[in-house]
Amino acid sequence: MNVTAGSAPFDEKEVLSPGWLAGMLSTRYPGAVPMRVEVVERIETVATKLRFRLEYAEDTDAPTALCAKGYFNPALRRATRAEADFYRLAADQLPVRTPPWLHAAVDDESGHPLIVLHDLVARGARFLDPLVGYTAEEAAATLDQLAALHAATRDGEHAAWRKLFPPRLTGLTRVLGREALQRLLDDGRAAGVPAQVRDADRLTAAMTAMEALSAEHPSCLIHGDLHAGNIYQLADGSPGLIDWQVVQFGNWAQDVGYHLATVLDPDELARNERNLVAHYLDRLAAHGGTAPGWDQAWWLYRAYLPYGLFLWSITRAVDRPIIEHLAGRLARAVARHGSLDLLDV
């Protein structure tokens, strides 16, 4: 796809207007004049996703099914530009499956990001649900995508991307104070997990320890939030990755541990995680990366599990069943592996 510059309106009515869409399409589809726009689905969490259909004034090869993603709700507006920058500057250069896009821009004054993608649902793709079961075989396929991403961005490459997508571990600890974080940890989202795991001080210290650990090992570009709800499957079952809001440079294990602990049932995870980590290492080498030895890899996999637990401990603007499902899975994985003890916090 061609990089497209342009505005990123806060107003979804403007984004869906035939005039704005004609301007957005003009670089790639000159002469395409939308006459009718119909929203077929609206999904709102923090960001809003609008799936819509277009009818044109004349015959054109311009797409008739698109999806716009922005922070259109005034109560939830944020200037989180990383995902727009990812599509605009990085996605097309990486060997990882992502939705084809038409427009990615960040407003210079407000910082509002806007992305316009082809509607993959109209092309037969299926977007997954974080509450629905995921198999070890499916996890192996998504680990291959992560391995390709990590191998392509390791060991000092892409210096400009490293400035755009810096590590986020210690930055995330500034989102909430200690007391607010402890209240969330105690609100039932990690029910049944020992109190020493649901400890705000230890979990915050773990984030600092993981960032220090990352400085001691090769880093790479990581997705940062690969639960099942951020995966789509094409008609042939091939997985693709969406929702790159927390893309960052970090340790490979930050992605792998988070992914496996969220997508697999805890018992399924315990049965399969050694084989799946070994599979990831094999695929990392196959994609041209340098895989660490097994002992180091297994230690890192377990040590980085608290990242996901912290992320879902500070999450509020997501449906409660999803918060409890993912935070609970991650907390159990951290407890089972003694991850906080491994980090000496």
Protein backbone atom coordinates (compact mmCIF):
# COMPACT_ATOMS: atom_id res chain seq x y z
CA MET A 1 0.00 0.00 0.00
CA ASN A 2 1.13 3.55 -0.58
CA VAL A 3 1.76 5.81 2.37
CA THR A 4 -1.00 8.40 2.39
CA ALA A 5 -0.73 11.69 4.21
CA GLY A 6 -3.74 13.69 5.25
CA SER A 7 -5.99 14.75 8.05
CA ALA A 8 -7.32 12.69 10.91
CA PRO A 9 -10.68 14.24 11.90
CA PHE A 10 -12.09 13.67 15.38
CA ASP A 11 -15.61 13.84 13.95
CA GLU A 12 -16.76 10.48 12.61
CA LYS A 13 -19.44 12.23 10.53
CA GLU A 14 -16.66 13.98 8.66
CA VAL A 15 -14.73 10.74 8.17
CA LEU A 16 -17.84 9.10 6.73
CA SER A 17 -18.74 12.04 4.49
CA PRO A 18 -18.48 11.46 0.73
CA GLY A 19 -16.31 14.57 0.39
CA TRP A 20 -13.68 13.48 2.92
CA LEU A 21 -13.67 9.93 1.58
CA ALA A 22 -13.22 11.17 -1.99
CA GLY A 23 -10.17 13.16 -0.92
CA MET A 24 -8.76 10.22 1.05
CA LEU A 25 -9.21 7.88 -1.93
CA SER A 26 -7.94 10.30 -4.56
CA THR A 27 -4.25 9.40 -4.27
CA ARG A 28 -4.81 5.78 -5.10
CA TYR A 29 -8.18 5.92 -6.87
CA PRO A 30 -8.37 9.24 -8.71
CA GLY A 31 -11.85 10.00 -9.89
CA ALA A 32 -13.59 7.77 -7.33
CA VAL A 33 -16.60 9.74 -6.07
CA PRO A 34 -18.56 8.15 -3.19
CA MET A 35 -22.25 8.91 -3.35
CA ARG A 36 -23.62 6.81 -0.49
CA VAL A 37 -21.99 5.58 2.72
CA GLU A 38 -23.66 3.03 5.00
CA VAL A 39 -22.28 1.97 8.38
CA VAL A 40 -22.76 -1.78 8.85
CA GLU A 41 -21.09 -2.15 12.26
CA ARG A 42 -19.86 0.15 15.01
CA ILE A 43 -17.54 -1.24 17.69
CA GLU A 44 -16.49 1.01 20.56
CA THR A 45 -14.00 0.33 23.32
CA VAL A 46 -11.46 3.10 23.85
CA ALA A 47 -11.11 3.49 20.09
CA THR A 48 -14.07 3.24 17.71
CA LYS A 49 -14.11 0.98 14.67
CA LEU A 50 -16.60 1.71 11.90
CA ARG A 51 -17.22 -0.85 9.19
CA PHE A 52 -18.96 0.78 6.24
CA ARG A 53 -19.99 0.25 2.65
CA LEU A 54 -19.62 2.72 -0.21
CA GLU A 55 -21.49 3.25 -3.44
CA TYR A 56 -19.81 5.33 -6.15
CA ALA A 57 -21.17 7.74 -8.73
CA GLU A 58 -19.47 5.84 -11.54
CA ASP A 59 -17.82 2.47 -12.06
CA THR A 60 -14.47 2.31 -10.28
CA ASP A 61 -12.06 -0.24 -8.87
CA ALA A 62 -12.06 1.63 -5.55
CA PRO A 63 -13.01 -0.56 -2.56
CA THR A 64 -16.64 -0.80 -1.54
CA ALA A 65 -16.03 -2.08 2.01
CA LEU A 66 -13.78 -0.23 4.44
CA CYS A 67 -13.14 0.11 8.17
CA ALA A 68 -12.15 3.35 9.91
CA LYS A 69 -10.53 3.37 13.35
CA GLY A 70 -10.21 6.50 15.47
CA TYR A 71 -10.95 7.98 18.89
CA PHE A 72 -14.32 9.47 17.97
CA ASN A 73 -16.02 9.36 21.38
CA PRO A 74 -15.33 12.72 23.09
CA ALA A 75 -15.25 11.02 26.50
CA LEU A 76 -12.53 8.60 25.43
CA ARG A 77 -10.33 10.71 23.20
CA ARG A 78 -6.63 9.97 23.38
CA ALA A 79 -3.63 10.90 21.31
CA THR A 80 -2.23 7.39 20.89
CA ARG A 81 -0.39 7.67 17.61
CA ALA A 82 1.71 4.49 17.65
CA GLU A 83 -0.70 2.37 15.61
CA ALA A 84 -1.12 4.98 12.87
CA ASP A 85 2.66 5.38 12.70
CA PHE A 86 3.04 1.60 12.54
CA TYR A 87 0.81 1.32 9.48
CA ARG A 88 2.16 4.50 7.90
CA LEU A 89 5.85 3.72 8.30
CA ALA A 90 6.42 0.07 9.13
CA ALA A 91 3.66 -2.41 8.32
CA ASP A 92 4.35 -2.76 4.61
CA GLN A 93 8.04 -3.45 5.25
CA LEU A 94 7.50 -6.32 7.67
CA PRO A 95 6.95 -10.05 7.01
CA VAL A 96 3.87 -10.22 9.21
CA ARG A 97 0.23 -10.44 8.13
CA THR A 98 -1.70 -7.24 8.87
CA PRO A 99 -4.88 -5.75 7.34
CA PRO A 100 -4.28 -3.90 4.05
CA TRP A 101 -4.67 -0.19 4.65
CA LEU A 102 -5.51 2.91 2.64
CA HIS A 103 -4.94 5.81 5.01
CA ALA A 104 -2.98 6.35 8.21
CA ALA A 105 -2.54 9.85 9.58
CA VAL A 106 -2.04 11.80 12.79
CA ASP A 107 -3.46 15.30 13.16
CA ASP A 108 -0.62 17.76 13.73
CA GLU A 109 -2.49 19.84 16.30
CA SER A 110 -4.56 17.37 18.30
CA GLY A 111 -2.40 14.26 17.88
CA HIS A 112 -5.53 12.30 16.93
CA PRO A 113 -4.69 9.17 14.88
CA LEU A 114 -6.94 7.79 12.15
CA ILE A 115 -6.58 4.59 10.14
CA VAL A 116 -8.69 3.43 7.21
CA LEU A 117 -8.38 -0.27 6.36
CA HIS A 118 -9.95 -2.64 3.89
CA ASP A 119 -12.83 -4.45 5.58
CA LEU A 120 -11.53 -7.99 5.95
CA VAL A 121 -14.90 -9.33 7.09
CA ALA A 122 -16.26 -8.52 3.64
CA ARG A 123 -13.35 -10.57 2.26
CA GLY A 124 -14.26 -13.64 4.31
CA ALA A 125 -11.96 -13.12 7.31
CA ARG A 126 -13.05 -13.91 10.85
CA PHE A 127 -12.10 -11.75 13.81
CA LEU A 128 -11.59 -13.76 16.96
CA ASP A 129 -13.14 -13.32 20.38
CA PRO A 130 -10.88 -13.25 23.47
CA LEU A 131 -13.50 -15.28 25.37
CA VAL A 132 -13.66 -18.10 22.80
CA GLY A 133 -11.35 -21.11 22.88
CA TYR A 134 -7.99 -21.14 21.08
CA THR A 135 -6.01 -24.29 20.37
CA ALA A 136 -2.32 -25.05 20.72
CA GLU A 137 -2.18 -25.54 16.94
CA GLU A 138 -3.61 -22.07 16.40
CA ALA A 139 -1.10 -20.67 18.90
CA ALA A 140 1.73 -22.27 16.94
CA ALA A 141 0.58 -20.41 13.83
CA THR A 142 0.46 -17.03 15.58
CA LEU A 143 3.86 -17.70 17.16
CA ASP A 144 5.21 -18.07 13.62
CA GLN A 145 3.91 -14.56 12.84
CA LEU A 146 5.57 -13.22 16.00
CA ALA A 147 8.82 -14.98 15.13
CA ALA A 148 8.81 -13.37 11.69
CA LEU A 149 8.19 -9.93 13.21
CA HIS A 150 10.89 -10.34 15.86
CA ALA A 151 13.50 -11.76 13.50
CA ALA A 152 13.04 -8.90 11.04
CA THR A 153 13.59 -6.18 13.66
CA ARG A 154 16.33 -7.48 15.96
CA ASP A 155 19.86 -6.41 16.78
CA GLY A 156 20.14 -2.73 16.07
CA GLU A 157 18.15 -2.54 12.85
CA HIS A 158 15.58 0.19 12.15
CA ALA A 159 16.97 2.92 14.39
CA ALA A 160 14.18 5.31 13.36
CA TRP A 161 11.53 2.81 14.43
CA ARG A 162 13.19 2.46 17.81
CA LYS A 163 12.60 6.17 18.41
CA LEU A 164 8.98 5.93 17.25
CA PHE A 165 8.17 2.79 19.24
CA PRO A 166 10.19 2.93 22.48
CA PRO A 167 9.84 0.44 25.34
CA ARG A 168 6.69 1.00 27.39
CA LEU A 169 7.25 -0.98 30.58
CA THR A 170 8.20 1.78 33.01
CA GLY A 171 5.98 4.28 31.20
CA LEU A 172 2.95 2.12 31.91
CA THR A 173 3.68 2.25 35.64
CA ARG A 174 2.93 5.98 35.59
CA VAL A 175 -0.66 5.46 34.41
CA LEU A 176 -1.95 4.84 37.94
CA GLY A 177 -0.70 5.44 41.44
CA ARG A 178 0.03 2.57 43.81
CA GLU A 179 -3.27 2.78 45.74
CA ALA A 180 -5.40 2.96 42.57
CA LEU A 181 -3.55 -0.02 41.10
CA GLN A 182 -4.05 -2.05 44.28
CA ARG A 183 -7.79 -1.31 44.26
CA LEU A 184 -8.03 -2.68 40.73
CA LEU A 185 -5.98 -5.77 41.60
CA ASP A 186 -8.38 -6.42 44.50
CA ASP A 187 -11.61 -5.82 42.54
CA GLY A 188 -12.06 -9.47 41.56
CA ARG A 189 -10.29 -9.46 38.21
CA ALA A 190 -7.74 -11.95 39.52
CA ALA A 191 -9.91 -13.84 41.98
CA GLY A 192 -8.38 -16.92 43.56
CA VAL A 193 -4.79 -15.82 42.95
CA PRO A 194 -2.56 -15.43 46.03
CA ALA A 195 -2.32 -11.93 47.49
CA GLN A 196 1.45 -11.89 47.00
CA VAL A 197 0.83 -11.96 43.24
CA ARG A 198 -1.92 -9.31 43.39
CA ASP A 199 0.48 -6.85 45.00
CA ALA A 200 0.76 -3.41 43.39
CA ASP A 201 4.25 -2.74 44.74
CA ARG A 202 5.65 -6.05 43.49
CA LEU A 203 3.95 -5.78 40.13
CA THR A 204 5.23 -2.23 39.60
CA ALA A 205 8.72 -3.31 40.61
CA ALA A 206 8.45 -6.20 38.15
CA MET A 207 7.82 -3.76 35.29
CA THR A 208 10.99 -1.86 36.19
CA ALA A 209 12.93 -5.12 36.49
CA MET A 210 11.69 -6.32 33.09
CA GLU A 211 12.74 -3.08 31.41
CA ALA A 212 16.21 -3.36 32.96
CA LEU A 213 16.35 -6.98 31.79
CA SER A 214 15.44 -5.89 28.26
CA ALA A 215 18.53 -3.68 28.16
CA GLU A 216 20.68 -6.76 28.74
CA HIS A 217 19.28 -8.77 25.80
CA PRO A 218 18.64 -8.13 22.11
CA SER A 219 15.40 -6.25 21.56
CA CYS A 220 12.98 -6.32 18.66
CA LEU A 221 9.68 -4.81 17.61
CA ILE A 222 6.87 -6.51 19.51
CA HIS A 223 3.10 -6.32 19.13
CA GLY A 224 2.59 -5.94 22.87
CA ASP A 225 -1.08 -6.96 23.12
CA LEU A 226 -1.62 -10.22 21.24
CA HIS A 227 -4.65 -11.79 22.91
CA ALA A 228 -7.18 -13.61 20.72
CA GLY A 229 -9.29 -10.49 20.27
CA ASN A 230 -6.43 -8.92 18.33
CA ILE A 231 -6.16 -11.77 15.82
CA TYR A 232 -8.07 -12.44 12.63
CA GLN A 233 -8.15 -15.58 10.53
CA LEU A 234 -8.41 -15.69 6.77
CA ALA A 235 -10.66 -18.20 5.06
CA ASP A 236 -7.81 -20.75 4.99
CA GLY A 237 -7.18 -20.33 8.74
CA SER A 238 -4.02 -18.22 8.37
CA PRO A 239 -3.75 -15.72 11.24
CA GLY A 240 -3.17 -11.99 10.99
CA LEU A 241 -2.46 -9.40 13.68
CA ILE A 242 -4.49 -6.26 14.38
CA ASP A 243 -4.64 -3.48 17.01
CA TRP A 244 -1.06 -2.23 17.21
CA GLN A 245 -1.71 0.51 19.79
CA VAL A 246 1.05 -0.65 22.16
CA VAL A 247 3.63 -1.67 19.55
CA GLN A 248 7.08 -1.14 21.08
CA PHE A 249 10.63 -2.41 21.17
CA GLY A 250 11.16 -5.03 23.85
CA ASN A 251 12.14 -8.60 24.54
CA TRP A 252 10.61 -11.38 22.42
CA ALA A 253 9.41 -13.11 25.60
CA GLN A 254 7.19 -10.13 26.40
CA ASP A 255 5.11 -11.05 23.31
CA VAL A 256 5.32 -14.82 23.57
CA GLY A 257 4.41 -15.08 27.26
CA TYR A 258 1.54 -12.62 26.96
CA HIS A 259 0.18 -14.37 23.88
CA LEU A 260 0.27 -17.93 25.20
CA ALA A 261 -1.05 -17.06 28.66
CA THR A 262 -4.04 -15.19 27.24
CA VAL A 263 -5.12 -17.43 24.38
CA LEU A 264 -4.82 -20.84 26.05
CA ASP A 265 -6.84 -22.29 28.90
CA PRO A 266 -4.50 -22.54 31.93
CA ASP A 267 -4.46 -26.36 31.85
CA GLU A 268 -3.88 -26.35 28.09
CA LEU A 269 -1.10 -23.83 28.60
CA ALA A 270 0.62 -25.98 31.23
CA ARG A 271 0.50 -29.02 28.92
CA ASN A 272 1.79 -27.25 25.83
CA GLU A 273 3.88 -24.21 26.72
CA ARG A 274 7.30 -25.90 26.63
CA ASN A 275 6.63 -27.30 23.17
CA LEU A 276 5.21 -23.99 21.99
CA VAL A 277 8.18 -21.98 23.26
CA ALA A 278 10.48 -24.46 21.51
CA HIS A 279 8.39 -24.06 18.36
CA TYR A 280 8.75 -20.28 18.56
CA LEU A 281 12.54 -20.59 18.87
CA ASP A 282 12.64 -22.89 15.84
CA ARG A 283 10.56 -20.45 13.80
CA LEU A 284 12.68 -17.49 14.97
CA ALA A 285 15.77 -19.24 13.60
CA ALA A 286 13.92 -20.20 10.40
CA HIS A 287 13.07 -16.53 9.82
CA GLY A 288 16.71 -15.53 10.18
CA GLY A 289 16.77 -14.56 13.85
CA THR A 290 19.22 -15.72 16.50
CA ALA A 291 17.44 -17.94 19.00
CA PRO A 292 18.68 -17.99 22.61
CA GLY A 293 19.56 -21.28 24.26
CA TRP A 294 16.76 -23.24 25.85
CA ASP A 295 17.58 -22.53 29.51
CA GLN A 296 17.77 -18.79 28.92
CA ALA A 297 14.65 -18.79 26.73
CA TRP A 298 12.56 -20.69 29.27
CA TRP A 299 13.68 -18.36 32.05
CA LEU A 300 12.83 -15.26 29.98
CA TYR A 301 9.44 -16.65 28.99
CA ARG A 302 8.50 -17.08 32.65
CA ALA A 303 10.09 -13.81 33.80
CA TYR A 304 8.13 -11.64 31.35
CA LEU A 305 4.67 -12.95 32.23
CA PRO A 306 3.98 -10.07 34.68
CA TYR A 307 3.89 -7.61 31.76
CA GLY A 308 0.51 -8.88 30.62
CA LEU A 309 -0.83 -9.02 34.16
CA PHE A 310 0.09 -5.37 34.69
CA LEU A 311 -1.51 -4.39 31.38
CA TRP A 312 -4.82 -6.03 32.33
CA SER A 313 -4.60 -4.78 35.92
CA ILE A 314 -4.77 -1.17 34.73
CA THR A 315 -7.42 -1.83 32.05
CA ARG A 316 -10.84 -0.31 32.68
CA ALA A 317 -12.47 0.66 29.35
CA VAL A 318 -13.09 -2.94 28.24
CA ASP A 319 -16.06 -5.20 28.97
CA ARG A 320 -15.75 -6.65 32.46
CA PRO A 321 -15.93 -10.34 31.40
CA ILE A 322 -12.92 -9.83 29.12
CA ILE A 323 -10.93 -8.08 31.87
CA GLU A 324 -11.61 -10.90 34.32
CA HIS A 325 -10.90 -13.59 31.72
CA LEU A 326 -7.53 -12.23 30.60
CA ALA A 327 -6.31 -10.82 33.92
CA GLY A 328 -7.25 -14.09 35.61
CA ARG A 329 -5.36 -16.21 33.09
CA LEU A 330 -2.27 -14.04 33.29
CA ALA A 331 -2.33 -13.93 37.10
CA ARG A 332 -2.52 -17.71 37.29
CA ALA A 333 0.41 -18.05 34.91
CA VAL A 334 2.48 -15.60 36.96
CA ALA A 335 1.62 -17.47 40.17
CA ARG A 336 2.32 -20.92 38.71
CA HIS A 337 5.74 -19.92 37.39
CA GLY A 338 6.77 -17.76 40.36
CA SER A 339 7.55 -14.97 37.89
CA LEU A 340 7.82 -12.22 40.52
CA ASP A 341 10.32 -14.32 42.45
CA LEU A 342 12.34 -14.89 39.27
CA LEU A 343 12.58 -11.11 38.92
CA ASP A 344 13.55 -10.80 42.61
CA VAL A 345 10.78 -8.34 43.45
